[in-house]
C-alpha cells in the first residue's frame, strides 16, 4: 500500500507506517502544490492530511485514493512528540 503524507504533518509520522511504501510531499518535491493540482498528481492508495476542509473542497468520489484527515491542535509541536514516543 502506498501512503503519502501532506506537507504540514510532522514527517515522523512515516515511522508509524512500518511495512508500507510511505512518502511525504517533501520527499516527492510537491510541498508547494495547490490542492487542486495535487489531487491530479497523486498516485497512492491513501493520502494523510490535516486539512480539515479538503474533503469539502474536492469531490471525494472523483479521487483515485482514500483519505485520512488527522485532527490535531498543531501539526508540529511538542504535543505531537508524545505520539511518536509511544509508537
PDB file of N, CA and C in Angstrom:
ATOM      1  N   UNK A   1       0.848  -1.174   0.000  1.00  0.00           N
ATOM      2  CA  UNK A   1       0.000   0.000   0.000  1.00  0.00           C
ATOM      3  C   UNK A   1       0.893   1.235   0.000  1.00  0.00           C
ATOM      4  N   UNK A   2       0.585   2.174  -0.848  1.00  0.00           N
ATOM      5  CA  UNK A   2       1.364   3.404  -0.952  1.00  0.00           C
ATOM      6  C   UNK A   2       0.620   4.522  -0.213  1.00  0.00           C
ATOM      7  N   UNK A   3       1.332   5.154   0.724  1.00  0.00           N
ATOM      8  CA  UNK A   3       0.766   6.217   1.553  1.00  0.00           C
ATOM      9  C   UNK A   3       1.561   7.492   1.306  1.00  0.00           C
ATOM     10  N   UNK A   4       0.860   8.610   1.139  1.00  0.00           N
ATOM     11  CA  UNK A   4       1.502   9.917   1.001  1.00  0.00           C
ATOM     12  C   UNK A   4       1.002  10.804   2.130  1.00  0.00           C
ATOM     13  N   UNK A   5       1.960  11.475   2.797  1.00  0.00           N
ATOM     14  CA  UNK A   5       1.645  12.337   3.940  1.00  0.00           C
ATOM     15  C   UNK A   5       1.795  13.795   3.527  1.00  0.00           C
ATOM     16  N   UNK A   6       0.790  14.587   3.836  1.00  0.00           N
ATOM     17  CA  UNK A   6       0.745  16.003   3.493  1.00  0.00           C
ATOM     18  C   UNK A   6       1.894  16.771   4.151  1.00  0.00           C
ATOM     19  N   UNK A   7       2.297  17.867   3.532  1.00  0.00           N
ATOM     20  CA  UNK A   7       3.445  18.661   3.980  1.00  0.00           C
ATOM     21  C   UNK A   7       3.328  19.215   5.399  1.00  0.00           C
ATOM     22  N   UNK A   8       2.175  19.714   5.829  1.00  0.00           N
ATOM     23  CA  UNK A   8       2.123  20.290   7.183  1.00  0.00           C
ATOM     24  C   UNK A   8       2.237  19.267   8.314  1.00  0.00           C
ATOM     25  N   UNK A   9       2.092  17.991   8.012  1.00  0.00           N
ATOM     26  CA  UNK A   9       2.128  16.967   9.054  1.00  0.00           C
ATOM     27  C   UNK A   9       3.576  16.612   9.375  1.00  0.00           C
ATOM     28  N   UNK A  10       3.842  16.419  10.649  1.00  0.00           N
ATOM     29  CA  UNK A  10       5.180  16.059  11.112  1.00  0.00           C
ATOM     30  C   UNK A  10       5.677  14.835  10.336  1.00  0.00           C
ATOM     31  N   UNK A  11       6.829  14.944   9.677  1.00  0.00           N
ATOM     32  CA  UNK A  11       7.316  13.837   8.846  1.00  0.00           C
ATOM     33  C   UNK A  11       7.651  12.572   9.634  1.00  0.00           C
ATOM     34  N   UNK A  12       7.750  12.668  10.949  1.00  0.00           N
ATOM     35  CA  UNK A  12       7.999  11.466  11.753  1.00  0.00           C
ATOM     36  C   UNK A  12       6.836  10.489  11.704  1.00  0.00           C
ATOM     37  N   UNK A  13       5.684  10.942  11.209  1.00  0.00           N
ATOM     38  CA  UNK A  13       4.535  10.044  11.076  1.00  0.00           C
ATOM     39  C   UNK A  13       4.861   8.864  10.156  1.00  0.00           C
ATOM     40  N   UNK A  14       5.817   9.047   9.277  1.00  0.00           N
ATOM     41  CA  UNK A  14       6.247   7.962   8.385  1.00  0.00           C
ATOM     42  C   UNK A  14       6.583   6.718   9.202  1.00  0.00           C
ATOM     43  N   UNK A  15       7.183   6.900  10.366  1.00  0.00           N
ATOM     44  CA  UNK A  15       7.595   5.788  11.224  1.00  0.00           C
ATOM     45  C   UNK A  15       6.412   4.932  11.704  1.00  0.00           C
ATOM     46  N   UNK A  16       5.225   5.498  11.713  1.00  0.00           N
ATOM     47  CA  UNK A  16       4.039   4.770  12.179  1.00  0.00           C
ATOM     48  C   UNK A  16       3.517   3.780  11.136  1.00  0.00           C
ATOM     49  N   UNK A  17       3.993   3.879   9.921  1.00  0.00           N
ATOM     50  CA  UNK A  17       3.511   3.034   8.830  1.00  0.00           C
ATOM     51  C   UNK A  17       4.561   2.009   8.417  1.00  0.00           C
ATOM     52  N   UNK A  18       5.053   1.230   9.352  1.00  0.00           N
ATOM     53  CA  UNK A  18       6.052   0.221   9.017  1.00  0.00           C
ATOM     54  C   UNK A  18       5.438  -0.822   8.088  1.00  0.00           C
ATOM     55  N   UNK A  19       6.209  -1.229   7.108  1.00  0.00           N
ATOM     56  CA  UNK A  19       5.737  -2.225   6.155  1.00  0.00           C
ATOM     57  C   UNK A  19       4.983  -1.647   4.968  1.00  0.00           C
ATOM     58  N   UNK A  20       4.858  -0.332   4.905  1.00  0.00           N
ATOM     59  CA  UNK A  20       4.162   0.316   3.798  1.00  0.00           C
ATOM     60  C   UNK A  20       5.134   1.215   3.037  1.00  0.00           C
ATOM     61  N   UNK A  21       4.802   1.515   1.799  1.00  0.00           N
ATOM     62  CA  UNK A  21       5.565   2.458   0.990  1.00  0.00           C
ATOM     63  C   UNK A  21       5.032   3.851   1.329  1.00  0.00           C
ATOM     64  N   UNK A  22       5.776   4.602   2.143  1.00  0.00           N
ATOM     65  CA  UNK A  22       5.305   5.894   2.651  1.00  0.00           C
ATOM     66  C   UNK A  22       6.255   7.007   2.229  1.00  0.00           C
ATOM     67  N   UNK A  23       5.683   8.080   1.714  1.00  0.00           N
ATOM     68  CA  UNK A  23       6.447   9.269   1.357  1.00  0.00           C
ATOM     69  C   UNK A  23       5.695  10.503   1.816  1.00  0.00           C
ATOM     70  N   UNK A  24       6.432  11.572   2.037  1.00  0.00           N
ATOM     71  CA  UNK A  24       5.815  12.857   2.338  1.00  0.00           C
ATOM     72  C   UNK A  24       5.801  13.686   1.053  1.00  0.00           C
ATOM     73  N   UNK A  25       5.033  14.756   1.061  1.00  0.00           N
ATOM     74  CA  UNK A  25       5.046  15.645  -0.099  1.00  0.00           C
ATOM     75  C   UNK A  25       6.434  16.262  -0.277  1.00  0.00           C
ATOM     76  N   UNK A  26       7.180  16.424   0.819  1.00  0.00           N
ATOM     77  CA  UNK A  26       8.547  16.926   0.717  1.00  0.00           C
ATOM     78  C   UNK A  26       9.426  15.922  -0.029  1.00  0.00           C
ATOM     79  N   UNK A  27       9.253  14.629   0.275  1.00  0.00           N
ATOM     80  CA  UNK A  27      10.012  13.591  -0.426  1.00  0.00           C
ATOM     81  C   UNK A  27       9.774  13.662  -1.932  1.00  0.00           C
ATOM     82  N   UNK A  28       8.541  13.938  -2.303  1.00  0.00           N
ATOM     83  CA  UNK A  28       8.159  13.992  -3.715  1.00  0.00           C
ATOM     84  C   UNK A  28       8.482  15.342  -4.356  1.00  0.00           C
ATOM     85  N   UNK A  29       8.819  16.350  -3.536  1.00  0.00           N
ATOM     86  CA  UNK A  29       9.076  17.693  -4.050  1.00  0.00           C
ATOM     87  C   UNK A  29       7.802  18.443  -4.393  1.00  0.00           C
ATOM     88  N   UNK A  30       6.692  18.022  -3.814  1.00  0.00           N
ATOM     89  CA  UNK A  30       5.381  18.601  -4.139  1.00  0.00           C
ATOM     90  C   UNK A  30       4.791  19.444  -3.015  1.00  0.00           C
ATOM     91  N   UNK A  31       5.587  19.826  -2.035  1.00  0.00           N
ATOM     92  CA  UNK A  31       5.071  20.533  -0.868  1.00  0.00           C
ATOM     93  C   UNK A  31       4.432  21.885  -1.196  1.00  0.00           C
ATOM     94  N   UNK A  32       4.743  22.455  -2.338  1.00  0.00           N
ATOM     95  CA  UNK A  32       4.195  23.775  -2.687  1.00  0.00           C
ATOM     96  C   UNK A  32       3.004  23.701  -3.646  1.00  0.00           C
ATOM     97  N   UNK A  33       2.613  22.498  -4.040  1.00  0.00           N
ATOM     98  CA  UNK A  33       1.489  22.368  -4.968  1.00  0.00           C
ATOM     99  C   UNK A  33       0.173  22.733  -4.287  1.00  0.00           C
ATOM    100  N   UNK A  34      -0.660  23.407  -5.008  1.00  0.00           N
ATOM    101  CA  UNK A  34      -2.015  23.702  -4.530  1.00  0.00           C
ATOM    102  C   UNK A  34      -2.830  22.406  -4.565  1.00  0.00           C
ATOM    103  N   UNK A  35      -3.827  22.317  -3.691  1.00  0.00           N
ATOM    104  CA  UNK A  35      -4.633  21.094  -3.577  1.00  0.00           C
ATOM    105  C   UNK A  35      -5.219  20.633  -4.910  1.00  0.00           C
ATOM    106  N   UNK A  36      -5.764  21.587  -5.694  1.00  0.00           N
ATOM    107  CA  UNK A  36      -6.419  21.190  -6.948  1.00  0.00           C
ATOM    108  C   UNK A  36      -5.426  20.592  -7.950  1.00  0.00           C
ATOM    109  N   UNK A  37      -4.160  20.965  -7.860  1.00  0.00           N
ATOM    110  CA  UNK A  37      -3.124  20.373  -8.705  1.00  0.00           C
ATOM    111  C   UNK A  37      -2.662  19.050  -8.096  1.00  0.00           C
ATOM    112  N   UNK A  38      -2.512  19.043  -6.784  1.00  0.00           N
ATOM    113  CA  UNK A  38      -2.036  17.868  -6.063  1.00  0.00           C
ATOM    114  C   UNK A  38      -2.927  16.643  -6.293  1.00  0.00           C
ATOM    115  N   UNK A  39      -4.234  16.823  -6.220  1.00  0.00           N
ATOM    116  CA  UNK A  39      -5.137  15.671  -6.360  1.00  0.00           C
ATOM    117  C   UNK A  39      -5.027  15.026  -7.737  1.00  0.00           C
ATOM    118  N   UNK A  40      -4.607  15.778  -8.726  1.00  0.00           N
ATOM    119  CA  UNK A  40      -4.427  15.218 -10.069  1.00  0.00           C
ATOM    120  C   UNK A  40      -3.084  14.491 -10.194  1.00  0.00           C
ATOM    121  N   UNK A  41      -2.104  14.862  -9.372  1.00  0.00           N
ATOM    122  CA  UNK A  41      -0.758  14.283  -9.435  1.00  0.00           C
ATOM    123  C   UNK A  41      -0.600  13.024  -8.596  1.00  0.00           C
ATOM    124  N   UNK A  42      -1.331  12.946  -7.490  1.00  0.00           N
ATOM    125  CA  UNK A  42      -1.123  11.867  -6.531  1.00  0.00           C
ATOM    126  C   UNK A  42      -1.423  10.494  -7.128  1.00  0.00           C
ATOM    127  N   UNK A  43      -0.485   9.588  -6.940  1.00  0.00           N
ATOM    128  CA  UNK A  43      -0.678   8.190  -7.302  1.00  0.00           C
ATOM    129  C   UNK A  43      -0.372   7.386  -6.050  1.00  0.00           C
ATOM    130  N   UNK A  44      -1.401   7.187  -5.236  1.00  0.00           N
ATOM    131  CA  UNK A  44      -1.234   6.477  -3.966  1.00  0.00           C
ATOM    132  C   UNK A  44      -2.549   5.801  -3.615  1.00  0.00           C
ATOM    133  N   UNK A  45      -2.487   5.013  -2.550  1.00  0.00           N
ATOM    134  CA  UNK A  45      -3.704   4.377  -2.058  1.00  0.00           C
ATOM    135  C   UNK A  45      -4.376   5.227  -0.987  1.00  0.00           C
ATOM    136  N   UNK A  46      -3.534   5.913  -0.172  1.00  0.00           N
ATOM    137  CA  UNK A  46      -4.046   6.724   0.939  1.00  0.00           C
ATOM    138  C   UNK A  46      -3.261   8.024   1.021  1.00  0.00           C
ATOM    139  N   UNK A  47      -3.983   9.123   1.197  1.00  0.00           N
ATOM    140  CA  UNK A  47      -3.382  10.431   1.421  1.00  0.00           C
ATOM    141  C   UNK A  47      -3.749  10.872   2.832  1.00  0.00           C
ATOM    142  N   UNK A  48      -2.726  11.185   3.646  1.00  0.00           N
ATOM    143  CA  UNK A  48      -2.947  11.604   5.030  1.00  0.00           C
ATOM    144  C   UNK A  48      -2.748  13.108   5.091  1.00  0.00           C
ATOM    145  N   UNK A  49      -3.750  13.827   5.572  1.00  0.00           N
ATOM    146  CA  UNK A  49      -3.700  15.291   5.632  1.00  0.00           C
ATOM    147  C   UNK A  49      -4.296  15.792   6.937  1.00  0.00           C
ATOM    148  N   UNK A  50      -3.949  17.022   7.288  1.00  0.00           N
ATOM    149  CA  UNK A  50      -4.555  17.686   8.442  1.00  0.00           C
ATOM    150  C   UNK A  50      -5.496  18.792   7.963  1.00  0.00           C
ATOM    151  N   UNK A  51      -5.674  18.885   6.655  1.00  0.00           N
ATOM    152  CA  UNK A  51      -6.512  19.918   6.047  1.00  0.00           C
ATOM    153  C   UNK A  51      -7.976  19.543   6.222  1.00  0.00           C
ATOM    154  N   UNK A  52      -8.599  20.127   7.229  1.00  0.00           N
ATOM    155  CA  UNK A  52      -9.994  19.780   7.552  1.00  0.00           C
ATOM    156  C   UNK A  52     -10.978  20.170   6.458  1.00  0.00           C
ATOM    157  N   UNK A  53     -10.599  21.092   5.602  1.00  0.00           N
ATOM    158  CA  UNK A  53     -11.506  21.499   4.540  1.00  0.00           C
ATOM    159  C   UNK A  53     -11.348  20.692   3.264  1.00  0.00           C
ATOM    160  N   UNK A  54     -10.327  19.860   3.215  1.00  0.00           N
ATOM    161  CA  UNK A  54     -10.015  19.111   1.999  1.00  0.00           C
ATOM    162  C   UNK A  54     -11.213  18.323   1.492  1.00  0.00           C
ATOM    163  N   UNK A  55     -11.872  17.619   2.391  1.00  0.00           N
ATOM    164  CA  UNK A  55     -12.990  16.781   1.962  1.00  0.00           C
ATOM    165  C   UNK A  55     -14.193  17.589   1.490  1.00  0.00           C
ATOM    166  N   UNK A  56     -14.233  18.883   1.826  1.00  0.00           N
ATOM    167  CA  UNK A  56     -15.339  19.742   1.384  1.00  0.00           C
ATOM    168  C   UNK A  56     -14.990  20.506   0.112  1.00  0.00           C
ATOM    169  N   UNK A  57     -13.706  20.603  -0.184  1.00  0.00           N
ATOM    170  CA  UNK A  57     -13.248  21.373  -1.342  1.00  0.00           C
ATOM    171  C   UNK A  57     -13.135  20.531  -2.606  1.00  0.00           C
ATOM    172  N   UNK A  58     -13.169  19.210  -2.457  1.00  0.00           N
ATOM    173  CA  UNK A  58     -12.963  18.320  -3.602  1.00  0.00           C
ATOM    174  C   UNK A  58     -14.044  17.247  -3.621  1.00  0.00           C
ATOM    175  N   UNK A  59     -14.338  16.782  -4.808  1.00  0.00           N
ATOM    176  CA  UNK A  59     -15.303  15.696  -4.945  1.00  0.00           C
ATOM    177  C   UNK A  59     -14.591  14.397  -4.579  1.00  0.00           C
ATOM    178  N   UNK A  60     -14.893  13.856  -3.405  1.00  0.00           N
ATOM    179  CA  UNK A  60     -14.217  12.656  -2.925  1.00  0.00           C
ATOM    180  C   UNK A  60     -14.470  11.461  -3.841  1.00  0.00           C
ATOM    181  N   UNK A  61     -15.604  11.430  -4.477  1.00  0.00           N
ATOM    182  CA  UNK A  61     -15.922  10.318  -5.379  1.00  0.00           C
ATOM    183  C   UNK A  61     -15.009  10.304  -6.604  1.00  0.00           C
ATOM    184  N   UNK A  62     -14.480  11.455  -6.971  1.00  0.00           N
ATOM    185  CA  UNK A  62     -13.627  11.513  -8.159  1.00  0.00           C
ATOM    186  C   UNK A  62     -12.157  11.224  -7.849  1.00  0.00           C
ATOM    187  N   UNK A  63     -11.802  11.129  -6.573  1.00  0.00           N
ATOM    188  CA  UNK A  63     -10.412  10.882  -6.204  1.00  0.00           C
ATOM    189  C   UNK A  63     -10.059   9.411  -6.425  1.00  0.00           C
ATOM    190  N   UNK A  64      -8.822   9.180  -6.823  1.00  0.00           N
ATOM    191  CA  UNK A  64      -8.368   7.805  -7.077  1.00  0.00           C
ATOM    192  C   UNK A  64      -7.711   7.191  -5.850  1.00  0.00           C
ATOM    193  N   UNK A  65      -7.807   7.856  -4.706  1.00  0.00           N
ATOM    194  CA  UNK A  65      -7.168   7.402  -3.471  1.00  0.00           C
ATOM    195  C   UNK A  65      -8.087   7.662  -2.293  1.00  0.00           C
ATOM    196  N   UNK A  66      -7.837   6.947  -1.196  1.00  0.00           N
ATOM    197  CA  UNK A  66      -8.568   7.195   0.041  1.00  0.00           C
ATOM    198  C   UNK A  66      -7.891   8.319   0.820  1.00  0.00           C
ATOM    199  N   UNK A  67      -8.609   8.861   1.770  1.00  0.00           N
ATOM    200  CA  UNK A  67      -8.068   9.964   2.568  1.00  0.00           C
ATOM    201  C   UNK A  67      -8.230   9.690   4.045  1.00  0.00           C
ATOM    202  N   UNK A  68      -7.239  10.133   4.804  1.00  0.00           N
ATOM    203  CA  UNK A  68      -7.330  10.152   6.254  1.00  0.00           C
ATOM    204  C   UNK A  68      -7.095  11.598   6.658  1.00  0.00           C
ATOM    205  N   UNK A  69      -8.081  12.196   7.315  1.00  0.00           N
ATOM    206  CA  UNK A  69      -7.946  13.568   7.790  1.00  0.00           C
ATOM    207  C   UNK A  69      -7.637  13.499   9.285  1.00  0.00           C
ATOM    208  N   UNK A  70      -6.441  13.920   9.648  1.00  0.00           N
ATOM    209  CA  UNK A  70      -5.968  13.868  11.024  1.00  0.00           C
ATOM    210  C   UNK A  70      -6.350  15.171  11.713  1.00  0.00           C
ATOM    211  N   UNK A  71      -7.002  15.067  12.864  1.00  0.00           N
ATOM    212  CA  UNK A  71      -7.386  16.257  13.613  1.00  0.00           C
ATOM    213  C   UNK A  71      -6.453  16.417  14.812  1.00  0.00           C
ATOM    214  N   UNK A  72      -5.563  17.391  14.724  1.00  0.00           N
ATOM    215  CA  UNK A  72      -4.630  17.709  15.810  1.00  0.00           C
ATOM    216  C   UNK A  72      -4.637  19.214  16.023  1.00  0.00           C
ATOM    217  N   UNK A  73      -4.260  19.628  17.239  1.00  0.00           N
ATOM    218  CA  UNK A  73      -4.212  21.067  17.502  1.00  0.00           C
ATOM    219  C   UNK A  73      -3.119  21.737  16.694  1.00  0.00           C
ATOM    220  N   UNK A  74      -1.949  21.137  16.682  1.00  0.00           N
ATOM    221  CA  UNK A  74      -0.816  21.664  15.926  1.00  0.00           C
ATOM    222  C   UNK A  74      -0.159  20.501  15.211  1.00  0.00           C
ATOM    223  N   UNK A  75       0.282  20.733  13.976  1.00  0.00           N
ATOM    224  CA  UNK A  75       0.861  19.633  13.213  1.00  0.00           C
ATOM    225  C   UNK A  75       2.328  19.396  13.545  1.00  0.00           C
ATOM    226  N   UNK A  76       3.010  20.360  14.109  1.00  0.00           N
ATOM    227  CA  UNK A  76       4.414  20.195  14.504  1.00  0.00           C
ATOM    228  C   UNK A  76       4.615  20.901  15.832  1.00  0.00           C
ATOM    229  N   UNK A  77       4.531  20.162  16.900  1.00  0.00           N
ATOM    230  CA  UNK A  77       4.658  20.777  18.213  1.00  0.00           C
ATOM    231  C   UNK A  77       5.106  19.752  19.245  1.00  0.00           C
ATOM    232  N   UNK A  78       5.500  20.205  20.409  1.00  0.00           N
ATOM    233  CA  UNK A  78       5.852  19.261  21.477  1.00  0.00           C
ATOM    234  C   UNK A  78       4.696  18.316  21.822  1.00  0.00           C
ATOM    235  N   UNK A  79       3.465  18.739  21.616  1.00  0.00           N
ATOM    236  CA  UNK A  79       2.328  17.864  21.950  1.00  0.00           C
ATOM    237  C   UNK A  79       2.285  16.640  21.037  1.00  0.00           C
ATOM    238  N   UNK A  80       2.782  16.751  19.800  1.00  0.00           N
ATOM    239  CA  UNK A  80       2.801  15.589  18.910  1.00  0.00           C
ATOM    240  C   UNK A  80       3.984  14.681  19.242  1.00  0.00           C
ATOM    241  N   UNK A  81       4.975  15.183  19.942  1.00  0.00           N
ATOM    242  CA  UNK A  81       6.123  14.356  20.314  1.00  0.00           C
ATOM    243  C   UNK A  81       5.698  13.150  21.145  1.00  0.00           C
ATOM    244  N   UNK A  82       4.713  13.343  22.016  1.00  0.00           N
ATOM    245  CA  UNK A  82       4.230  12.235  22.850  1.00  0.00           C
ATOM    246  C   UNK A  82       3.723  11.086  21.998  1.00  0.00           C
ATOM    247  N   UNK A  83       3.096  11.414  20.905  1.00  0.00           N
ATOM    248  CA  UNK A  83       2.569  10.405  19.996  1.00  0.00           C
ATOM    249  C   UNK A  83       3.690   9.517  19.449  1.00  0.00           C
ATOM    250  N   UNK A  84       4.786  10.124  19.087  1.00  0.00           N
ATOM    251  CA  UNK A  84       5.872   9.365  18.467  1.00  0.00           C
ATOM    252  C   UNK A  84       6.669   8.569  19.476  1.00  0.00           C
ATOM    253  N   UNK A  85       6.668   8.973  20.726  1.00  0.00           N
ATOM    254  CA  UNK A  85       7.365   8.211  21.748  1.00  0.00           C
ATOM    255  C   UNK A  85       6.630   6.908  22.060  1.00  0.00           C
ATOM    256  N   UNK A  86       5.310   6.877  21.819  1.00  0.00           N
ATOM    257  CA  UNK A  86       4.543   5.677  22.138  1.00  0.00           C
ATOM    258  C   UNK A  86       4.403   4.746  20.943  1.00  0.00           C
ATOM    259  N   UNK A  87       4.737   5.175  19.747  1.00  0.00           N
ATOM    260  CA  UNK A  87       4.621   4.324  18.549  1.00  0.00           C
ATOM    261  C   UNK A  87       5.669   3.242  18.550  1.00  0.00           C
TER     262      UNK A  87
END
